[in-house]
Amino acid sequence: MSCLMPEMRETVLKPSPTPATLLQAAITRLRAAGVPGPARDARLLLAHALGIAPDRLTLALAEPTPEEAGERFHALVERRAARQPVSQIIGARLFWGRRFKVTPDVLDPRPETEILIAEALAEPFARVLDLGTGSGAILLTLLAERPGARGLGVDISPAALEVARANAQALGVAARAELRLSDWFADVTGRFDLIAANPPYITRAEMAALAPETRDWEPHLALTPGGDGLAAYRAIAACCGAHLSPGGRLLVEIGPDQADAVCALFTASGLAAPRVLRDMDNRPRLVAVRAG
């Protein structure tokens, strides 16, 4: 007969699961839910639940799991199983090497948008305008990379602008970043050396085929204008000439099938011959034009 008290026997019989055990169970759960890359996401969520950097997770896998961390991890995994994006769950996403706050009110900054950043930084600029700024990822990255520049970011969503303001403060560029409520150019004055935009461009017909992480969790206002997906480009083409400095550049992200249509809109508006830049998958991703 054991001399241990019941509570002690329970402790002996049911030790706390290690992070390694929790991780394997989470991978199984996410895979069953159809989540792409379940191992990667489970590791990110486990590191977040434990309050450690993801690159430190391997060192912690054999340690006992604090009870609160285990409960927190289970809740995070269930949110991911419901196809909520990891960036929304942990509240942040890396973009151009910097950490940006992310909420359901803004698009998740995506790696393909870094093509726009690289092209923008290829030439100097002093004043930049970011149309539909969302989290501020484009505007704030450009200002952080060019300490002498100032910029304006506009968005139609007050909630998105609050996220952008928080990111501007966190990145130390708030003094050089004005963030303003505006429907494209409606409340924009002055001219800019650089105008950048990642506007909504998904067609109404394409929305149903999007991954659940995008379709069900990101703001539809920032994803699609409805119809043929070109409404934002028409608005930009109609007004950008009045806000570009002589020789100024306009850079807009596009959908992979929109290059010809967007180039035609800008050419008709009087801008110089557009250039199309491709992403790492060799798909058209960016249209660049220059004012005369």
C-alpha atoms as a PDB file:
ATOM      1  CA  MET A   1       0.000   0.000   0.000  1.00  0.00           C
ATOM      2  CA  SER A   2       1.330   3.458  -0.875  1.00  0.00           C
ATOM      3  CA  CYS A   3       2.039   5.831   1.986  1.00  0.00           C
ATOM      4  CA  LEU A   4       1.606   8.889  -0.268  1.00  0.00           C
ATOM      5  CA  MET A   5      -1.321  11.218   0.281  1.00  0.00           C
ATOM      6  CA  PRO A   6      -3.870  11.207  -2.597  1.00  0.00           C
ATOM      7  CA  GLU A   7      -2.677  14.617  -3.836  1.00  0.00           C
ATOM      8  CA  MET A   8       0.926  13.357  -3.959  1.00  0.00           C
ATOM      9  CA  ARG A   9      -0.084  10.167  -5.774  1.00  0.00           C
ATOM     10  CA  GLU A  10      -1.884  12.335  -8.357  1.00  0.00           C
ATOM     11  CA  THR A  11       1.270  14.374  -8.827  1.00  0.00           C
ATOM     12  CA  VAL A  12       3.351  11.282  -9.311  1.00  0.00           C
ATOM     13  CA  LEU A  13       0.877   9.645 -11.667  1.00  0.00           C
ATOM     14  CA  LYS A  14       0.115  12.755 -13.752  1.00  0.00           C
ATOM     15  CA  PRO A  15       3.168  14.943 -14.180  1.00  0.00           C
ATOM     16  CA  SER A  16       2.794  18.203 -16.073  1.00  0.00           C
ATOM     17  CA  PRO A  17       3.102  17.655 -19.822  1.00  0.00           C
ATOM     18  CA  THR A  18       6.234  19.037 -21.383  1.00  0.00           C
ATOM     19  CA  PRO A  19       6.075  21.614 -24.165  1.00  0.00           C
ATOM     20  CA  ALA A  20       7.227  18.860 -26.527  1.00  0.00           C
ATOM     21  CA  THR A  21       4.137  16.801 -25.696  1.00  0.00           C
ATOM     22  CA  LEU A  22       1.857  19.807 -26.092  1.00  0.00           C
ATOM     23  CA  LEU A  23       3.514  20.687 -29.378  1.00  0.00           C
ATOM     24  CA  GLN A  24       2.887  17.287 -30.932  1.00  0.00           C
ATOM     25  CA  ALA A  25      -0.752  17.318 -29.840  1.00  0.00           C
ATOM     26  CA  ALA A  26      -1.179  20.799 -31.302  1.00  0.00           C
ATOM     27  CA  ILE A  27       0.327  19.792 -34.643  1.00  0.00           C
ATOM     28  CA  THR A  28      -2.115  16.896 -34.835  1.00  0.00           C
ATOM     29  CA  ARG A  29      -5.026  19.197 -33.976  1.00  0.00           C
ATOM     30  CA  LEU A  30      -4.087  21.836 -36.543  1.00  0.00           C
ATOM     31  CA  ARG A  31      -3.430  19.291 -39.264  1.00  0.00           C
ATOM     32  CA  ALA A  32      -6.886  17.785 -38.689  1.00  0.00           C
ATOM     33  CA  ALA A  33      -8.375  21.280 -39.001  1.00  0.00           C
ATOM     34  CA  GLY A  34      -6.757  21.707 -42.418  1.00  0.00           C
ATOM     35  CA  VAL A  35      -4.308  24.396 -41.324  1.00  0.00           C
ATOM     36  CA  PRO A  36      -1.388  24.717 -43.762  1.00  0.00           C
ATOM     37  CA  GLY A  37       2.037  24.460 -42.131  1.00  0.00           C
ATOM     38  CA  PRO A  38       0.717  23.116 -38.795  1.00  0.00           C
ATOM     39  CA  ALA A  39       4.167  22.483 -37.289  1.00  0.00           C
ATOM     40  CA  ARG A  40       5.364  26.019 -38.003  1.00  0.00           C
ATOM     41  CA  ASP A  41       2.223  27.594 -36.581  1.00  0.00           C
ATOM     42  CA  ALA A  42       2.177  25.350 -33.508  1.00  0.00           C
ATOM     43  CA  ARG A  43       5.753  26.320 -32.674  1.00  0.00           C
ATOM     44  CA  LEU A  44       4.987  30.030 -33.013  1.00  0.00           C
ATOM     45  CA  LEU A  45       1.933  29.733 -30.802  1.00  0.00           C
ATOM     46  CA  LEU A  46       3.754  27.656 -28.190  1.00  0.00           C
ATOM     47  CA  ALA A  47       6.589  30.172 -27.980  1.00  0.00           C
ATOM     48  CA  HIS A  48       4.023  32.945 -27.581  1.00  0.00           C
ATOM     49  CA  ALA A  49       2.191  31.049 -24.839  1.00  0.00           C
ATOM     50  CA  LEU A  50       5.463  30.449 -22.985  1.00  0.00           C
ATOM     51  CA  GLY A  51       6.533  34.056 -23.395  1.00  0.00           C
ATOM     52  CA  ILE A  52       9.799  33.230 -25.156  1.00  0.00           C
ATOM     53  CA  ALA A  53      11.289  33.969 -28.579  1.00  0.00           C
ATOM     54  CA  PRO A  54      10.543  31.289 -31.191  1.00  0.00           C
ATOM     55  CA  ASP A  55      14.252  30.594 -31.648  1.00  0.00           C
ATOM     56  CA  ARG A  56      14.478  29.673 -27.941  1.00  0.00           C
ATOM     57  CA  LEU A  57      11.687  27.113 -28.065  1.00  0.00           C
ATOM     58  CA  THR A  58      13.884  24.063 -28.656  1.00  0.00           C
ATOM     59  CA  LEU A  59      15.690  24.716 -25.369  1.00  0.00           C
ATOM     60  CA  ALA A  60      12.385  24.700 -23.470  1.00  0.00           C
ATOM     61  CA  LEU A  61      10.767  21.604 -24.958  1.00  0.00           C
ATOM     62  CA  ALA A  62      11.863  19.213 -22.211  1.00  0.00           C
ATOM     63  CA  GLU A  63      10.966  21.493 -19.291  1.00  0.00           C
ATOM     64  CA  PRO A  64       7.710  21.216 -17.332  1.00  0.00           C
ATOM     65  CA  THR A  65       4.985  23.452 -18.702  1.00  0.00           C
ATOM     66  CA  PRO A  66       3.551  26.064 -16.312  1.00  0.00           C
ATOM     67  CA  GLU A  67      -0.159  25.368 -15.944  1.00  0.00           C
ATOM     68  CA  GLU A  68      -1.232  28.825 -17.092  1.00  0.00           C
ATOM     69  CA  ALA A  69       0.991  28.591 -20.166  1.00  0.00           C
ATOM     70  CA  GLY A  70      -0.495  25.216 -21.072  1.00  0.00           C
ATOM     71  CA  GLU A  71      -4.034  26.571 -20.806  1.00  0.00           C
ATOM     72  CA  ARG A  72      -3.074  29.627 -22.807  1.00  0.00           C
ATOM     73  CA  PHE A  73      -1.515  27.474 -25.523  1.00  0.00           C
ATOM     74  CA  HIS A  74      -4.624  25.303 -25.790  1.00  0.00           C
ATOM     75  CA  ALA A  75      -6.769  28.414 -26.320  1.00  0.00           C
ATOM     76  CA  LEU A  76      -4.385  29.749 -28.962  1.00  0.00           C
ATOM     77  CA  VAL A  77      -4.406  26.447 -30.837  1.00  0.00           C
ATOM     78  CA  GLU A  78      -8.202  26.411 -30.896  1.00  0.00           C
ATOM     79  CA  ARG A  79      -8.243  29.891 -32.388  1.00  0.00           C
ATOM     80  CA  ARG A  80      -5.817  28.773 -35.088  1.00  0.00           C
ATOM     81  CA  ALA A  81      -7.903  25.651 -35.721  1.00  0.00           C
ATOM     82  CA  ALA A  82     -10.769  28.043 -36.438  1.00  0.00           C
ATOM     83  CA  ARG A  83      -8.428  29.449 -39.148  1.00  0.00           C
ATOM     84  CA  GLN A  84      -7.726  32.777 -37.463  1.00  0.00           C
ATOM     85  CA  PRO A  85      -4.349  34.009 -38.783  1.00  0.00           C
ATOM     86  CA  VAL A  86      -1.362  33.556 -36.482  1.00  0.00           C
ATOM     87  CA  SER A  87      -0.534  37.249 -36.746  1.00  0.00           C
ATOM     88  CA  GLN A  88      -3.921  38.190 -35.311  1.00  0.00           C
ATOM     89  CA  ILE A  89      -3.621  35.602 -32.542  1.00  0.00           C
ATOM     90  CA  ILE A  90      -0.214  36.777 -31.352  1.00  0.00           C
ATOM     91  CA  GLY A  91      -0.969  40.372 -32.321  1.00  0.00           C
ATOM     92  CA  ALA A  92       2.046  41.040 -34.526  1.00  0.00           C
ATOM     93  CA  ARG A  93       3.774  40.292 -37.806  1.00  0.00           C
ATOM     94  CA  LEU A  94       7.321  40.878 -39.017  1.00  0.00           C
ATOM     95  CA  PHE A  95       7.656  43.018 -42.130  1.00  0.00           C
ATOM     96  CA  TRP A  96      10.981  44.207 -43.589  1.00  0.00           C
ATOM     97  CA  GLY A  97      12.602  43.071 -40.336  1.00  0.00           C
ATOM     98  CA  ARG A  98      10.334  45.116 -38.068  1.00  0.00           C
ATOM     99  CA  ARG A  99       7.504  44.051 -35.798  1.00  0.00           C
ATOM    100  CA  PHE A 100       4.084  45.483 -36.643  1.00  0.00           C
ATOM    101  CA  LYS A 101       0.978  45.307 -34.518  1.00  0.00           C
ATOM    102  CA  VAL A 102      -1.806  43.440 -36.330  1.00  0.00           C
ATOM    103  CA  THR A 103      -5.516  43.243 -35.494  1.00  0.00           C
ATOM    104  CA  PRO A 104      -8.618  42.102 -37.425  1.00  0.00           C
ATOM    105  CA  ASP A 105      -9.018  45.751 -38.503  1.00  0.00           C
ATOM    106  CA  VAL A 106      -6.000  45.654 -40.847  1.00  0.00           C
ATOM    107  CA  LEU A 107      -4.524  43.424 -43.508  1.00  0.00           C
ATOM    108  CA  ASP A 108      -1.742  41.114 -42.457  1.00  0.00           C
ATOM    109  CA  PRO A 109       1.472  42.606 -43.942  1.00  0.00           C
ATOM    110  CA  ARG A 110       2.651  40.143 -46.564  1.00  0.00           C
ATOM    111  CA  PRO A 111       6.126  39.289 -47.852  1.00  0.00           C
ATOM    112  CA  GLU A 112       5.195  40.100 -51.453  1.00  0.00           C
ATOM    113  CA  THR A 113       4.574  43.724 -50.471  1.00  0.00           C
ATOM    114  CA  GLU A 114       8.276  44.000 -49.633  1.00  0.00           C
ATOM    115  CA  ILE A 115       8.827  44.234 -53.398  1.00  0.00           C
ATOM    116  CA  LEU A 116       7.172  47.644 -53.229  1.00  0.00           C
ATOM    117  CA  ILE A 117       9.487  48.648 -50.374  1.00  0.00           C
ATOM    118  CA  ALA A 118      12.591  47.604 -52.300  1.00  0.00           C
ATOM    119  CA  GLU A 119      11.506  49.545 -55.383  1.00  0.00           C
ATOM    120  CA  ALA A 120      10.631  52.630 -53.326  1.00  0.00           C
ATOM    121  CA  LEU A 121      14.038  52.625 -51.658  1.00  0.00           C
ATOM    122  CA  ALA A 122      15.845  52.382 -55.002  1.00  0.00           C
ATOM    123  CA  GLU A 123      15.569  56.180 -55.378  1.00  0.00           C
ATOM    124  CA  PRO A 124      15.575  59.073 -52.875  1.00  0.00           C
ATOM    125  CA  PHE A 125      12.368  60.722 -51.673  1.00  0.00           C
ATOM    126  CA  ALA A 126      11.538  63.405 -49.114  1.00  0.00           C
ATOM    127  CA  ARG A 127       7.723  63.232 -48.977  1.00  0.00           C
ATOM    128  CA  VAL A 128       5.740  60.039 -49.306  1.00  0.00           C
ATOM    129  CA  LEU A 129       2.004  59.345 -49.398  1.00  0.00           C
ATOM    130  CA  ASP A 130       0.608  55.905 -48.527  1.00  0.00           C
ATOM    131  CA  LEU A 131      -2.939  55.377 -49.775  1.00  0.00           C
ATOM    132  CA  GLY A 132      -4.979  52.887 -47.728  1.00  0.00           C
ATOM    133  CA  THR A 133      -2.260  52.650 -45.102  1.00  0.00           C
ATOM    134  CA  GLY A 134      -3.873  49.970 -42.900  1.00  0.00           C
ATOM    135  CA  SER A 135      -1.303  48.897 -40.308  1.00  0.00           C
ATOM    136  CA  GLY A 136       1.091  51.488 -41.708  1.00  0.00           C
ATOM    137  CA  ALA A 137       3.519  48.797 -42.832  1.00  0.00           C
ATOM    138  CA  ILE A 138       4.453  50.553 -46.083  1.00  0.00           C
ATOM    139  CA  LEU A 139       4.602  54.142 -44.857  1.00  0.00           C
ATOM    140  CA  LEU A 140       6.325  53.441 -41.551  1.00  0.00           C
ATOM    141  CA  THR A 141       8.882  51.091 -43.078  1.00  0.00           C
ATOM    142  CA  LEU A 142       9.836  53.726 -45.640  1.00  0.00           C
ATOM    143  CA  LEU A 143      10.163  56.411 -42.977  1.00  0.00           C
ATOM    144  CA  ALA A 144      12.223  54.120 -40.757  1.00  0.00           C
ATOM    145  CA  GLU A 145      14.555  53.416 -43.677  1.00  0.00           C
ATOM    146  CA  ARG A 146      14.801  57.091 -44.680  1.00  0.00           C
ATOM    147  CA  PRO A 147      15.251  59.172 -41.487  1.00  0.00           C
ATOM    148  CA  GLY A 148      15.100  62.446 -43.428  1.00  0.00           C
ATOM    149  CA  ALA A 149      11.715  61.726 -45.023  1.00  0.00           C
ATOM    150  CA  ARG A 150       8.237  62.668 -43.871  1.00  0.00           C
ATOM    151  CA  GLY A 151       4.990  61.020 -44.851  1.00  0.00           C
ATOM    152  CA  LEU A 152       1.213  60.946 -44.850  1.00  0.00           C
ATOM    153  CA  GLY A 153      -0.839  57.785 -44.535  1.00  0.00           C
ATOM    154  CA  VAL A 154      -4.564  57.843 -45.249  1.00  0.00           C
ATOM    155  CA  ASP A 155      -7.254  55.260 -44.716  1.00  0.00           C
ATOM    156  CA  ILE A 156     -11.042  55.168 -44.699  1.00  0.00           C
ATOM    157  CA  SER A 157     -11.053  53.062 -41.516  1.00  0.00           C
ATOM    158  CA  PRO A 158     -10.632  54.853 -38.157  1.00  0.00           C
ATOM    159  CA  ALA A 159      -9.804  51.523 -36.498  1.00  0.00           C
ATOM    160  CA  ALA A 160      -7.004  50.873 -38.992  1.00  0.00           C
ATOM    161  CA  LEU A 161      -5.565  54.331 -38.357  1.00  0.00           C
ATOM    162  CA  GLU A 162      -5.405  53.582 -34.627  1.00  0.00           C
ATOM    163  CA  VAL A 163      -3.333  50.484 -35.376  1.00  0.00           C
ATOM    164  CA  ALA A 164      -1.060  52.535 -37.633  1.00  0.00           C
ATOM    165  CA  ARG A 165      -0.595  55.162 -34.911  1.00  0.00           C
ATOM    166  CA  ALA A 166       0.415  52.484 -32.420  1.00  0.00           C
ATOM    167  CA  ASN A 167       2.948  51.117 -34.909  1.00  0.00           C
ATOM    168  CA  ALA A 168       4.317  54.603 -35.618  1.00  0.00           C
ATOM    169  CA  GLN A 169       4.929  55.129 -31.913  1.00  0.00           C
ATOM    170  CA  ALA A 170       6.521  51.711 -31.467  1.00  0.00           C
ATOM    171  CA  LEU A 171       8.873  52.272 -34.409  1.00  0.00           C
ATOM    172  CA  GLY A 172       9.862  55.773 -33.314  1.00  0.00           C
ATOM    173  CA  VAL A 173       8.637  57.559 -36.466  1.00  0.00           C
ATOM    174  CA  ALA A 174       5.414  59.149 -35.164  1.00  0.00           C
ATOM    175  CA  ALA A 175       6.861  62.668 -35.382  1.00  0.00           C
ATOM    176  CA  ARG A 176       7.366  62.233 -39.142  1.00  0.00           C
ATOM    177  CA  ALA A 177       4.185  60.283 -39.940  1.00  0.00           C
ATOM    178  CA  GLU A 178       0.841  62.027 -40.275  1.00  0.00           C
ATOM    179  CA  LEU A 179      -2.114  59.643 -40.300  1.00  0.00           C
ATOM    180  CA  ARG A 180      -5.404  60.970 -41.615  1.00  0.00           C
ATOM    181  CA  LEU A 181      -8.924  59.734 -42.345  1.00  0.00           C
ATOM    182  CA  SER A 182      -9.495  60.030 -46.100  1.00  0.00           C
ATOM    183  CA  ASP A 183     -11.203  58.185 -48.932  1.00  0.00           C
ATOM    184  CA  TRP A 184      -8.184  57.955 -51.245  1.00  0.00           C
ATOM    185  CA  PHE A 185      -7.284  61.562 -52.212  1.00  0.00           C
ATOM    186  CA  ALA A 186     -10.442  63.197 -50.823  1.00  0.00           C
ATOM    187  CA  ASP A 187      -8.646  64.895 -47.897  1.00  0.00           C
ATOM    188  CA  VAL A 188      -5.108  64.919 -49.303  1.00  0.00           C
ATOM    189  CA  THR A 189      -3.375  68.201 -50.156  1.00  0.00           C
ATOM    190  CA  GLY A 190       0.066  68.938 -51.568  1.00  0.00           C
ATOM    191  CA  ARG A 191       2.479  67.002 -53.743  1.00  0.00           C
ATOM    192  CA  PHE A 192       4.700  64.022 -52.991  1.00  0.00           C
ATOM    193  CA  ASP A 193       7.909  62.558 -54.372  1.00  0.00           C
ATOM    194  CA  LEU A 194       6.484  59.089 -53.871  1.00  0.00           C
ATOM    195  CA  ILE A 195       2.937  57.747 -53.712  1.00  0.00           C
ATOM    196  CA  ALA A 196       2.520  54.106 -52.695  1.00  0.00           C
ATOM    197  CA  ALA A 197      -0.526  51.907 -52.348  1.00  0.00           C
ATOM    198  CA  ASN A 198      -1.552  48.333 -51.778  1.00  0.00           C
ATOM    199  CA  PRO A 199      -5.239  48.846 -52.549  1.00  0.00           C
ATOM    200  CA  PRO A 200      -8.084  46.332 -52.447  1.00  0.00           C
ATOM    201  CA  TYR A 201      -7.955  44.489 -55.760  1.00  0.00           C
ATOM    202  CA  ILE A 202      -9.619  41.093 -55.359  1.00  0.00           C
ATOM    203  CA  THR A 203     -12.657  40.716 -57.595  1.00  0.00           C
ATOM    204  CA  ARG A 204     -16.023  39.836 -56.165  1.00  0.00           C
ATOM    205  CA  ALA A 205     -15.917  36.482 -57.951  1.00  0.00           C
ATOM    206  CA  GLU A 206     -12.539  35.613 -56.423  1.00  0.00           C
ATOM    207  CA  MET A 207     -13.535  36.206 -52.790  1.00  0.00           C
ATOM    208  CA  ALA A 208     -15.184  32.821 -52.255  1.00  0.00           C
ATOM    209  CA  ALA A 209     -12.001  30.980 -53.277  1.00  0.00           C
ATOM    210  CA  LEU A 210      -9.724  32.770 -50.809  1.00  0.00           C
ATOM    211  CA  ALA A 211      -8.176  30.870 -47.908  1.00  0.00           C
ATOM    212  CA  PRO A 212     -10.334  31.053 -44.763  1.00  0.00           C
ATOM    213  CA  GLU A 213      -7.586  33.010 -42.993  1.00  0.00           C
ATOM    214  CA  THR A 214      -8.073  35.825 -45.491  1.00  0.00           C
ATOM    215  CA  ARG A 215     -11.740  35.511 -46.438  1.00  0.00           C
ATOM    216  CA  ASP A 216     -13.136  35.082 -42.925  1.00  0.00           C
ATOM    217  CA  TRP A 217     -10.759  37.094 -40.757  1.00  0.00           C
ATOM    218  CA  GLU A 218      -9.289  40.046 -42.649  1.00  0.00           C
ATOM    219  CA  PRO A 219     -11.284  43.234 -43.359  1.00  0.00           C
ATOM    220  CA  HIS A 220     -13.204  42.901 -46.614  1.00  0.00           C
ATOM    221  CA  LEU A 221     -12.925  46.669 -47.107  1.00  0.00           C
ATOM    222  CA  ALA A 222      -9.174  46.228 -47.564  1.00  0.00           C
ATOM    223  CA  LEU A 223      -9.483  43.116 -49.727  1.00  0.00           C
ATOM    224  CA  THR A 224     -12.024  43.875 -52.402  1.00  0.00           C
ATOM    225  CA  PRO A 225     -13.835  46.837 -53.930  1.00  0.00           C
ATOM    226  CA  GLY A 226     -16.266  44.378 -55.505  1.00  0.00           C
ATOM    227  CA  GLY A 227     -16.895  44.095 -59.210  1.00  0.00           C
ATOM    228  CA  ASP A 228     -13.798  43.704 -61.360  1.00  0.00           C
ATOM    229  CA  GLY A 229     -11.388  44.678 -58.575  1.00  0.00           C
ATOM    230  CA  LEU A 230     -10.160  47.806 -60.383  1.00  0.00           C
ATOM    231  CA  ALA A 231     -12.168  50.552 -58.648  1.00  0.00           C
ATOM    232  CA  ALA A 232      -9.263  51.664 -56.440  1.00  0.00           C
ATOM    233  CA  TYR A 233      -6.914  51.956 -59.427  1.00  0.00           C
ATOM    234  CA  ARG A 234      -9.457  54.107 -61.254  1.00  0.00           C
ATOM    235  CA  ALA A 235      -9.648  56.445 -58.243  1.00  0.00           C
ATOM    236  CA  ILE A 236      -5.865  56.600 -57.947  1.00  0.00           C
ATOM    237  CA  ALA A 237      -5.332  57.172 -61.671  1.00  0.00           C
ATOM    238  CA  ALA A 238      -7.872  59.992 -61.721  1.00  0.00           C
ATOM    239  CA  CYS A 239      -6.149  62.038 -59.009  1.00  0.00           C
ATOM    240  CA  CYS A 240      -2.530  61.010 -58.582  1.00  0.00           C
ATOM    241  CA  GLY A 241      -1.238  63.413 -61.256  1.00  0.00           C
ATOM    242  CA  ALA A 242      -2.327  66.381 -59.152  1.00  0.00           C
ATOM    243  CA  HIS A 243      -0.375  65.084 -56.148  1.00  0.00           C
ATOM    244  CA  LEU A 244       2.889  63.910 -57.686  1.00  0.00           C
ATOM    245  CA  SER A 245       5.896  66.220 -57.771  1.00  0.00           C
ATOM    246  CA  PRO A 246       7.618  66.577 -61.168  1.00  0.00           C
ATOM    247  CA  GLY A 247       9.437  63.298 -61.734  1.00  0.00           C
ATOM    248  CA  GLY A 248       7.638  61.763 -58.761  1.00  0.00           C
ATOM    249  CA  ARG A 249       6.875  58.060 -58.652  1.00  0.00           C
ATOM    250  CA  LEU A 250       3.693  56.067 -58.118  1.00  0.00           C
ATOM    251  CA  LEU A 251       4.005  52.437 -56.959  1.00  0.00           C
ATOM    252  CA  VAL A 252       0.937  50.217 -56.629  1.00  0.00           C
ATOM    253  CA  GLU A 253       0.623  46.559 -55.793  1.00  0.00           C
ATOM    254  CA  ILE A 254      -1.648  44.593 -58.139  1.00  0.00           C
ATOM    255  CA  GLY A 255      -3.283  41.214 -58.503  1.00  0.00           C
ATOM    256  CA  PRO A 256      -1.439  38.783 -60.810  1.00  0.00           C
ATOM    257  CA  ASP A 257      -3.955  39.200 -63.647  1.00  0.00           C
ATOM    258  CA  GLN A 258      -4.347  42.973 -63.490  1.00  0.00           C
ATOM    259  CA  ALA A 259      -1.108  44.323 -64.957  1.00  0.00           C
ATOM    260  CA  ASP A 260      -2.453  45.222 -68.413  1.00  0.00           C
ATOM    261  CA  ALA A 261      -5.621  46.844 -67.092  1.00  0.00           C
ATOM    262  CA  VAL A 262      -3.822  48.895 -64.430  1.00  0.00           C
ATOM    263  CA  CYS A 263      -1.116  50.018 -66.868  1.00  0.00           C
ATOM    264  CA  ALA A 264      -3.800  51.142 -69.301  1.00  0.00           C
ATOM    265  CA  LEU A 265      -5.515  53.208 -66.602  1.00  0.00           C
ATOM    266  CA  PHE A 266      -2.318  55.019 -65.692  1.00  0.00           C
ATOM    267  CA  THR A 267      -1.305  55.586 -69.296  1.00  0.00           C
ATOM    268  CA  ALA A 268      -4.705  57.109 -70.013  1.00  0.00           C
ATOM    269  CA  SER A 269      -4.230  59.447 -67.037  1.00  0.00           C
ATOM    270  CA  GLY A 270      -1.092  60.929 -68.605  1.00  0.00           C
ATOM    271  CA  LEU A 271       1.618  59.172 -66.576  1.00  0.00           C
ATOM    272  CA  ALA A 272       4.806  57.983 -68.245  1.00  0.00           C
ATOM    273  CA  ALA A 273       5.128  54.419 -69.554  1.00  0.00           C
ATOM    274  CA  PRO A 274       4.344  52.039 -66.685  1.00  0.00           C
ATOM    275  CA  ARG A 275       6.724  49.277 -65.652  1.00  0.00           C
ATOM    276  CA  VAL A 276       5.561  45.925 -64.270  1.00  0.00           C
ATOM    277  CA  LEU A 277       7.677  44.216 -61.607  1.00  0.00           C
ATOM    278  CA  ARG A 278       7.311  40.535 -60.760  1.00  0.00           C
ATOM    279  CA  ASP A 279       7.374  38.775 -57.399  1.00  0.00           C
ATOM    280  CA  MET A 280       9.487  35.798 -56.322  1.00  0.00           C
ATOM    281  CA  ASP A 281       6.985  33.453 -58.012  1.00  0.00           C
ATOM    282  CA  ASN A 282       7.403  35.386 -61.283  1.00  0.00           C
ATOM    283  CA  ARG A 283       3.893  36.808 -61.109  1.00  0.00           C
ATOM    284  CA  PRO A 284       3.157  40.467 -61.936  1.00  0.00           C
ATOM    285  CA  ARG A 285       3.027  42.183 -58.543  1.00  0.00           C
ATOM    286  CA  LEU A 286       3.831  45.887 -58.863  1.00  0.00           C
ATOM    287  CA  VAL A 287       3.157  48.683 -61.342  1.00  0.00           C
ATOM    288  CA  ALA A 288       5.574  51.627 -61.254  1.00  0.00           C
ATOM    289  CA  VAL A 289       4.935  54.896 -63.091  1.00  0.00           C
ATOM    290  CA  ARG A 290       6.523  58.341 -63.079  1.00  0.00           C
ATOM    291  CA  ALA A 291       5.130  61.830 -63.447  1.00  0.00           C
ATOM    292  CA  GLY A 292       6.447  63.976 -66.284  1.00  0.00           C
END
